[in-house]
Amino acid sequence: MDVFQEYFLCDDCRNMDFARIYHFSMRFYSVNFSDELVYERLTEELYQCTGCKKIFTREQIDKTLTGFKKLRKVKG
């Protein structure tokens, strides 16, 4: 049985090490039936390359990792 391991690499510097960055915020909405504001707390998770400092979203990373699966299915 063959084993393959693919790493997500920074597309600028090819580094594979990343630091997690969080942004915390609150989003406020006004609603028709109340004078009160409705709000939700948001946490945005980003990943910064430790080499060149380029920032990636989780969606960008997941898209690349999904591409690895598709590539391996095609190659067999």
PDB file of N, CA and C in Angstrom:
ATOM      1  N   MET A   1       0.842  -1.179   0.000  1.00  0.00           N
ATOM      2  CA  MET A   1       0.000   0.000   0.000  1.00  0.00           C
ATOM      3  C   MET A   1       0.887   1.242   0.000  1.00  0.00           C
ATOM      4  N   ASP A   2       0.669   2.108  -0.964  1.00  0.00           N
ATOM      5  CA  ASP A   2       1.442   3.337  -1.059  1.00  0.00           C
ATOM      6  C   ASP A   2       0.817   4.414  -0.184  1.00  0.00           C
ATOM      7  N   VAL A   3       1.667   5.254   0.395  1.00  0.00           N
ATOM      8  CA  VAL A   3       1.209   6.369   1.222  1.00  0.00           C
ATOM      9  C   VAL A   3       1.777   7.650   0.630  1.00  0.00           C
ATOM     10  N   PHE A   4       0.892   8.621   0.434  1.00  0.00           N
ATOM     11  CA  PHE A   4       1.298   9.920  -0.092  1.00  0.00           C
ATOM     12  C   PHE A   4       0.887  10.991   0.909  1.00  0.00           C
ATOM     13  N   GLN A   5       1.726  11.977   1.070  1.00  0.00           N
ATOM     14  CA  GLN A   5       1.376  13.104   1.940  1.00  0.00           C
ATOM     15  C   GLN A   5       1.657  14.391   1.192  1.00  0.00           C
ATOM     16  N   GLU A   6       0.638  15.204   1.057  1.00  0.00           N
ATOM     17  CA  GLU A   6       0.753  16.494   0.384  1.00  0.00           C
ATOM     18  C   GLU A   6       0.603  17.592   1.429  1.00  0.00           C
ATOM     19  N   TYR A   7       1.392  18.630   1.331  1.00  0.00           N
ATOM     20  CA  TYR A   7       1.305  19.754   2.253  1.00  0.00           C
ATOM     21  C   TYR A   7       0.790  20.991   1.526  1.00  0.00           C
ATOM     22  N   PHE A   8      -0.016  21.771   2.230  1.00  0.00           N
ATOM     23  CA  PHE A   8      -0.383  23.080   1.716  1.00  0.00           C
ATOM     24  C   PHE A   8       0.855  23.956   1.833  1.00  0.00           C
ATOM     25  N   LEU A   9       1.256  24.565   0.724  1.00  0.00           N
ATOM     26  CA  LEU A   9       2.437  25.427   0.697  1.00  0.00           C
ATOM     27  C   LEU A   9       2.032  26.832   0.303  1.00  0.00           C
ATOM     28  N   CYS A  10       2.723  27.802   0.841  1.00  0.00           N
ATOM     29  CA  CYS A  10       2.511  29.188   0.439  1.00  0.00           C
ATOM     30  C   CYS A  10       2.813  29.295  -1.045  1.00  0.00           C
ATOM     31  N   ASP A  11       1.897  29.897  -1.797  1.00  0.00           N
ATOM     32  CA  ASP A  11       2.118  29.988  -3.241  1.00  0.00           C
ATOM     33  C   ASP A  11       3.132  31.062  -3.625  1.00  0.00           C
ATOM     34  N   ASP A  12       3.581  31.865  -2.662  1.00  0.00           N
ATOM     35  CA  ASP A  12       4.629  32.849  -2.951  1.00  0.00           C
ATOM     36  C   ASP A  12       6.026  32.315  -2.655  1.00  0.00           C
ATOM     37  N   CYS A  13       6.219  31.745  -1.452  1.00  0.00           N
ATOM     38  CA  CYS A  13       7.579  31.354  -1.047  1.00  0.00           C
ATOM     39  C   CYS A  13       7.762  29.849  -0.825  1.00  0.00           C
ATOM     40  N   ARG A  14       6.678  29.063  -0.990  1.00  0.00           N
ATOM     41  CA  ARG A  14       6.708  27.596  -0.853  1.00  0.00           C
ATOM     42  C   ARG A  14       6.943  27.126   0.585  1.00  0.00           C
ATOM     43  N   ASN A  15       6.758  28.002   1.549  1.00  0.00           N
ATOM     44  CA  ASN A  15       6.887  27.654   2.963  1.00  0.00           C
ATOM     45  C   ASN A  15       5.670  26.832   3.381  1.00  0.00           C
ATOM     46  N   MET A  16       5.826  25.923   4.343  1.00  0.00           N
ATOM     47  CA  MET A  16       4.698  25.123   4.798  1.00  0.00           C
ATOM     48  C   MET A  16       4.309  25.410   6.245  1.00  0.00           C
ATOM     49  N   ASP A  17       4.891  26.430   6.850  1.00  0.00           N
ATOM     50  CA  ASP A  17       4.590  26.792   8.233  1.00  0.00           C
ATOM     51  C   ASP A  17       3.728  28.049   8.272  1.00  0.00           C
ATOM     52  N   PHE A  18       2.663  27.998   9.096  1.00  0.00           N
ATOM     53  CA  PHE A  18       1.705  29.093   9.172  1.00  0.00           C
ATOM     54  C   PHE A  18       1.362  29.387  10.625  1.00  0.00           C
ATOM     55  N   ALA A  19       1.075  30.648  10.903  1.00  0.00           N
ATOM     56  CA  ALA A  19       0.614  31.071  12.222  1.00  0.00           C
ATOM     57  C   ALA A  19      -0.850  31.463  12.105  1.00  0.00           C
ATOM     58  N   ARG A  20      -1.634  31.128  13.116  1.00  0.00           N
ATOM     59  CA  ARG A  20      -3.057  31.440  13.111  1.00  0.00           C
ATOM     60  C   ARG A  20      -3.280  32.867  13.600  1.00  0.00           C
ATOM     61  N   ILE A  21      -4.148  33.575  12.907  1.00  0.00           N
ATOM     62  CA  ILE A  21      -4.492  34.954  13.260  1.00  0.00           C
ATOM     63  C   ILE A  21      -6.009  35.009  13.424  1.00  0.00           C
ATOM     64  N   TYR A  22      -6.475  35.667  14.480  1.00  0.00           N
ATOM     65  CA  TYR A  22      -7.905  35.820  14.704  1.00  0.00           C
ATOM     66  C   TYR A  22      -8.293  37.286  14.628  1.00  0.00           C
ATOM     67  N   HIS A  23      -9.456  37.546  14.040  1.00  0.00           N
ATOM     68  CA  HIS A  23     -10.088  38.869  14.075  1.00  0.00           C
ATOM     69  C   HIS A  23     -11.422  38.684  14.773  1.00  0.00           C
ATOM     70  N   PHE A  24     -11.681  39.499  15.793  1.00  0.00           N
ATOM     71  CA  PHE A  24     -12.934  39.412  16.533  1.00  0.00           C
ATOM     72  C   PHE A  24     -13.756  40.658  16.243  1.00  0.00           C
ATOM     73  N   SER A  25     -15.053  40.475  15.990  1.00  0.00           N
ATOM     74  CA  SER A  25     -15.915  41.621  15.712  1.00  0.00           C
ATOM     75  C   SER A  25     -17.346  41.293  16.104  1.00  0.00           C
ATOM     76  N   MET A  26     -18.174  42.316  16.083  1.00  0.00           N
ATOM     77  CA  MET A  26     -19.611  42.156  16.294  1.00  0.00           C
ATOM     78  C   MET A  26     -20.317  42.849  15.142  1.00  0.00           C
ATOM     79  N   ARG A  27     -21.357  42.201  14.625  1.00  0.00           N
ATOM     80  CA  ARG A  27     -22.148  42.760  13.537  1.00  0.00           C
ATOM     81  C   ARG A  27     -23.524  43.108  14.105  1.00  0.00           C
ATOM     82  N   PHE A  28     -23.975  44.332  13.836  1.00  0.00           N
ATOM     83  CA  PHE A  28     -25.241  44.810  14.373  1.00  0.00           C
ATOM     84  C   PHE A  28     -26.264  44.997  13.262  1.00  0.00           C
ATOM     85  N   TYR A  29     -27.510  44.663  13.577  1.00  0.00           N
ATOM     86  CA  TYR A  29     -28.617  44.791  12.635  1.00  0.00           C
ATOM     87  C   TYR A  29     -29.759  45.540  13.314  1.00  0.00           C
ATOM     88  N   SER A  30     -30.420  46.348  12.573  1.00  0.00           N
ATOM     89  CA  SER A  30     -31.676  46.903  13.070  1.00  0.00           C
ATOM     90  C   SER A  30     -32.801  46.037  12.504  1.00  0.00           C
ATOM     91  N   VAL A  31     -33.838  45.882  13.288  1.00  0.00           N
ATOM     92  CA  VAL A  31     -34.965  45.063  12.848  1.00  0.00           C
ATOM     93  C   VAL A  31     -36.235  45.897  12.905  1.00  0.00           C
ATOM     94  N   ASN A  32     -37.187  45.601  12.050  1.00  0.00           N
ATOM     95  CA  ASN A  32     -38.413  46.384  11.931  1.00  0.00           C
ATOM     96  C   ASN A  32     -39.303  46.325  13.165  1.00  0.00           C
ATOM     97  N   PHE A  33     -39.320  45.211  13.862  1.00  0.00           N
ATOM     98  CA  PHE A  33     -40.271  45.019  14.941  1.00  0.00           C
ATOM     99  C   PHE A  33     -39.764  45.472  16.312  1.00  0.00           C
ATOM    100  N   SER A  34     -38.535  46.046  16.378  1.00  0.00           N
ATOM    101  CA  SER A  34     -37.994  46.429  17.675  1.00  0.00           C
ATOM    102  C   SER A  34     -37.074  47.627  17.527  1.00  0.00           C
ATOM    103  N   ASP A  35     -36.978  48.386  18.603  1.00  0.00           N
ATOM    104  CA  ASP A  35     -36.026  49.499  18.630  1.00  0.00           C
ATOM    105  C   ASP A  35     -34.628  49.022  19.028  1.00  0.00           C
ATOM    106  N   GLU A  36     -34.540  47.800  19.494  1.00  0.00           N
ATOM    107  CA  GLU A  36     -33.261  47.235  19.913  1.00  0.00           C
ATOM    108  C   GLU A  36     -32.467  46.741  18.706  1.00  0.00           C
ATOM    109  N   LEU A  37     -31.166  46.795  18.821  1.00  0.00           N
ATOM    110  CA  LEU A  37     -30.309  46.231  17.777  1.00  0.00           C
ATOM    111  C   LEU A  37     -30.105  44.745  18.036  1.00  0.00           C
ATOM    112  N   VAL A  38     -30.070  43.983  16.982  1.00  0.00           N
ATOM    113  CA  VAL A  38     -29.725  42.570  17.051  1.00  0.00           C
ATOM    114  C   VAL A  38     -28.268  42.470  16.641  1.00  0.00           C
ATOM    115  N   TYR A  39     -27.525  41.610  17.308  1.00  0.00           N
ATOM    116  CA  TYR A  39     -26.104  41.509  16.998  1.00  0.00           C
ATOM    117  C   TYR A  39     -25.657  40.056  16.970  1.00  0.00           C
ATOM    118  N   GLU A  40     -24.528  39.850  16.338  1.00  0.00           N
ATOM    119  CA  GLU A  40     -23.883  38.542  16.350  1.00  0.00           C
ATOM    120  C   GLU A  40     -22.387  38.748  16.492  1.00  0.00           C
ATOM    121  N   ARG A  41     -21.787  37.865  17.221  1.00  0.00           N
ATOM    122  CA  ARG A  41     -20.335  37.908  17.415  1.00  0.00           C
ATOM    123  C   ARG A  41     -19.678  37.074  16.327  1.00  0.00           C
ATOM    124  N   LEU A  42     -18.624  37.622  15.715  1.00  0.00           N
ATOM    125  CA  LEU A  42     -17.930  36.939  14.626  1.00  0.00           C
ATOM    126  C   LEU A  42     -16.462  36.741  14.986  1.00  0.00           C
ATOM    127  N   THR A  43     -15.947  35.602  14.589  1.00  0.00           N
ATOM    128  CA  THR A  43     -14.517  35.334  14.731  1.00  0.00           C
ATOM    129  C   THR A  43     -14.007  34.899  13.366  1.00  0.00           C
ATOM    130  N   GLU A  44     -13.093  35.667  12.827  1.00  0.00           N
ATOM    131  CA  GLU A  44     -12.506  35.354  11.528  1.00  0.00           C
ATOM    132  C   GLU A  44     -11.136  34.727  11.779  1.00  0.00           C
ATOM    133  N   GLU A  45     -10.923  33.559  11.204  1.00  0.00           N
ATOM    134  CA  GLU A  45      -9.671  32.837  11.394  1.00  0.00           C
ATOM    135  C   GLU A  45      -8.868  32.891  10.098  1.00  0.00           C
ATOM    136  N   LEU A  46      -7.656  33.398  10.194  1.00  0.00           N
ATOM    137  CA  LEU A  46      -6.762  33.515   9.047  1.00  0.00           C
ATOM    138  C   LEU A  46      -5.450  32.813   9.369  1.00  0.00           C
ATOM    139  N   TYR A  47      -4.686  32.535   8.339  1.00  0.00           N
ATOM    140  CA  TYR A  47      -3.395  31.863   8.517  1.00  0.00           C
ATOM    141  C   TYR A  47      -2.330  32.652   7.774  1.00  0.00           C
ATOM    142  N   GLN A  48      -1.243  32.982   8.487  1.00  0.00           N
ATOM    143  CA  GLN A  48      -0.172  33.789   7.913  1.00  0.00           C
ATOM    144  C   GLN A  48       1.079  32.939   7.731  1.00  0.00           C
ATOM    145  N   CYS A  49       1.630  32.975   6.532  1.00  0.00           N
ATOM    146  CA  CYS A  49       2.873  32.272   6.246  1.00  0.00           C
ATOM    147  C   CYS A  49       3.964  32.842   7.137  1.00  0.00           C
ATOM    148  N   THR A  50       4.720  31.965   7.775  1.00  0.00           N
ATOM    149  CA  THR A  50       5.797  32.442   8.649  1.00  0.00           C
ATOM    150  C   THR A  50       7.019  32.898   7.854  1.00  0.00           C
ATOM    151  N   GLY A  51       7.046  32.578   6.560  1.00  0.00           N
ATOM    152  CA  GLY A  51       8.170  32.998   5.720  1.00  0.00           C
ATOM    153  C   GLY A  51       7.979  34.387   5.144  1.00  0.00           C
ATOM    154  N   CYS A  52       6.974  34.553   4.290  1.00  0.00           N
ATOM    155  CA  CYS A  52       6.780  35.814   3.578  1.00  0.00           C
ATOM    156  C   CYS A  52       5.652  36.666   4.154  1.00  0.00           C
ATOM    157  N   LYS A  53       4.926  36.142   5.148  1.00  0.00           N
ATOM    158  CA  LYS A  53       3.835  36.852   5.842  1.00  0.00           C
ATOM    159  C   LYS A  53       2.553  36.977   5.017  1.00  0.00           C
ATOM    160  N   LYS A  54       2.428  36.260   3.907  1.00  0.00           N
ATOM    161  CA  LYS A  54       1.191  36.284   3.129  1.00  0.00           C
ATOM    162  C   LYS A  54       0.081  35.623   3.950  1.00  0.00           C
ATOM    163  N   ILE A  55      -1.135  36.150   3.837  1.00  0.00           N
ATOM    164  CA  ILE A  55      -2.258  35.662   4.627  1.00  0.00           C
ATOM    165  C   ILE A  55      -3.216  34.868   3.741  1.00  0.00           C
ATOM    166  N   PHE A  56      -3.691  33.729   4.283  1.00  0.00           N
ATOM    167  CA  PHE A  56      -4.624  32.851   3.597  1.00  0.00           C
ATOM    168  C   PHE A  56      -5.864  32.661   4.452  1.00  0.00           C
ATOM    169  N   THR A  57      -7.004  32.492   3.793  1.00  0.00           N
ATOM    170  CA  THR A  57      -8.231  32.159   4.504  1.00  0.00           C
ATOM    171  C   THR A  57      -8.341  30.642   4.623  1.00  0.00           C
ATOM    172  N   ARG A  58      -9.189  30.205   5.519  1.00  0.00           N
ATOM    173  CA  ARG A  58      -9.427  28.770   5.674  1.00  0.00           C
ATOM    174  C   ARG A  58      -9.998  28.190   4.377  1.00  0.00           C
ATOM    175  N   GLU A  59     -10.845  28.968   3.694  1.00  0.00           N
ATOM    176  CA  GLU A  59     -11.444  28.508   2.448  1.00  0.00           C
ATOM    177  C   GLU A  59     -10.383  28.279   1.365  1.00  0.00           C
ATOM    178  N   GLN A  60      -9.375  29.154   1.298  1.00  0.00           N
ATOM    179  CA  GLN A  60      -8.299  28.968   0.318  1.00  0.00           C
ATOM    180  C   GLN A  60      -7.523  27.687   0.601  1.00  0.00           C
ATOM    181  N   ILE A  61      -7.247  27.444   1.856  1.00  0.00           N
ATOM    182  CA  ILE A  61      -6.509  26.240   2.238  1.00  0.00           C
ATOM    183  C   ILE A  61      -7.338  24.995   1.939  1.00  0.00           C
ATOM    184  N   ASP A  62      -8.618  25.023   2.327  1.00  0.00           N
ATOM    185  CA  ASP A  62      -9.492  23.868   2.079  1.00  0.00           C
ATOM    186  C   ASP A  62      -9.635  23.577   0.587  1.00  0.00           C
ATOM    187  N   LYS A  63      -9.709  24.613  -0.231  1.00  0.00           N
ATOM    188  CA  LYS A  63      -9.826  24.417  -1.681  1.00  0.00           C
ATOM    189  C   LYS A  63      -8.587  23.702  -2.227  1.00  0.00           C
ATOM    190  N   THR A  64      -7.414  24.081  -1.758  1.00  0.00           N
ATOM    191  CA  THR A  64      -6.170  23.432  -2.199  1.00  0.00           C
ATOM    192  C   THR A  64      -6.127  21.980  -1.737  1.00  0.00           C
ATOM    193  N   LEU A  65      -6.507  21.732  -0.478  1.00  0.00           N
ATOM    194  CA  LEU A  65      -6.491  20.365   0.039  1.00  0.00           C
ATOM    195  C   LEU A  65      -7.501  19.485  -0.692  1.00  0.00           C
ATOM    196  N   THR A  66      -8.651  20.025  -1.045  1.00  0.00           N
ATOM    197  CA  THR A  66      -9.630  19.290  -1.829  1.00  0.00           C
ATOM    198  C   THR A  66      -9.065  18.958  -3.208  1.00  0.00           C
ATOM    199  N   GLY A  67      -8.292  19.881  -3.756  1.00  0.00           N
ATOM    200  CA  GLY A  67      -7.632  19.636  -5.034  1.00  0.00           C
ATOM    201  C   GLY A  67      -6.666  18.465  -4.966  1.00  0.00           C
ATOM    202  N   PHE A  68      -5.981  18.310  -3.822  1.00  0.00           N
ATOM    203  CA  PHE A  68      -5.089  17.162  -3.644  1.00  0.00           C
ATOM    204  C   PHE A  68      -5.871  15.852  -3.743  1.00  0.00           C
ATOM    205  N   LYS A  69      -7.044  15.788  -3.126  1.00  0.00           N
ATOM    206  CA  LYS A  69      -7.865  14.568  -3.174  1.00  0.00           C
ATOM    207  C   LYS A  69      -8.288  14.271  -4.602  1.00  0.00           C
ATOM    208  N   LYS A  70      -8.735  15.290  -5.308  1.00  0.00           N
ATOM    209  CA  LYS A  70      -9.168  15.091  -6.691  1.00  0.00           C
ATOM    210  C   LYS A  70      -8.020  14.627  -7.561  1.00  0.00           C
ATOM    211  N   LEU A  71      -6.838  15.178  -7.351  1.00  0.00           N
ATOM    212  CA  LEU A  71      -5.652  14.793  -8.121  1.00  0.00           C
ATOM    213  C   LEU A  71      -5.309  13.340  -7.879  1.00  0.00           C
ATOM    214  N   ARG A  72      -5.361  12.886  -6.642  1.00  0.00           N
ATOM    215  CA  ARG A  72      -5.018  11.498  -6.323  1.00  0.00           C
ATOM    216  C   ARG A  72      -6.070  10.533  -6.875  1.00  0.00           C
ATOM    217  N   LYS A  73      -7.337  10.932  -6.891  1.00  0.00           N
ATOM    218  CA  LYS A  73      -8.389  10.067  -7.440  1.00  0.00           C
ATOM    219  C   LYS A  73      -8.184   9.875  -8.941  1.00  0.00           C
ATOM    220  N   VAL A  74      -7.740  10.918  -9.632  1.00  0.00           N
ATOM    221  CA  VAL A  74      -7.514  10.835 -11.066  1.00  0.00           C
ATOM    222  C   VAL A  74      -6.302   9.959 -11.359  1.00  0.00           C
ATOM    223  N   LYS A  75      -5.231  10.115 -10.568  1.00  0.00           N
ATOM    224  CA  LYS A  75      -4.004   9.336 -10.783  1.00  0.00           C
ATOM    225  C   LYS A  75      -4.173   7.881 -10.358  1.00  0.00           C
ATOM    226  N   GLY A  76      -5.098   7.642  -9.438  1.00  0.00           N
ATOM    227  CA  GLY A  76      -5.335   6.271  -8.990  1.00  0.00           C
ATOM    228  C   GLY A  76      -4.436   5.838  -7.977  1.00  0.00           C
TER     229      GLY A  76
END
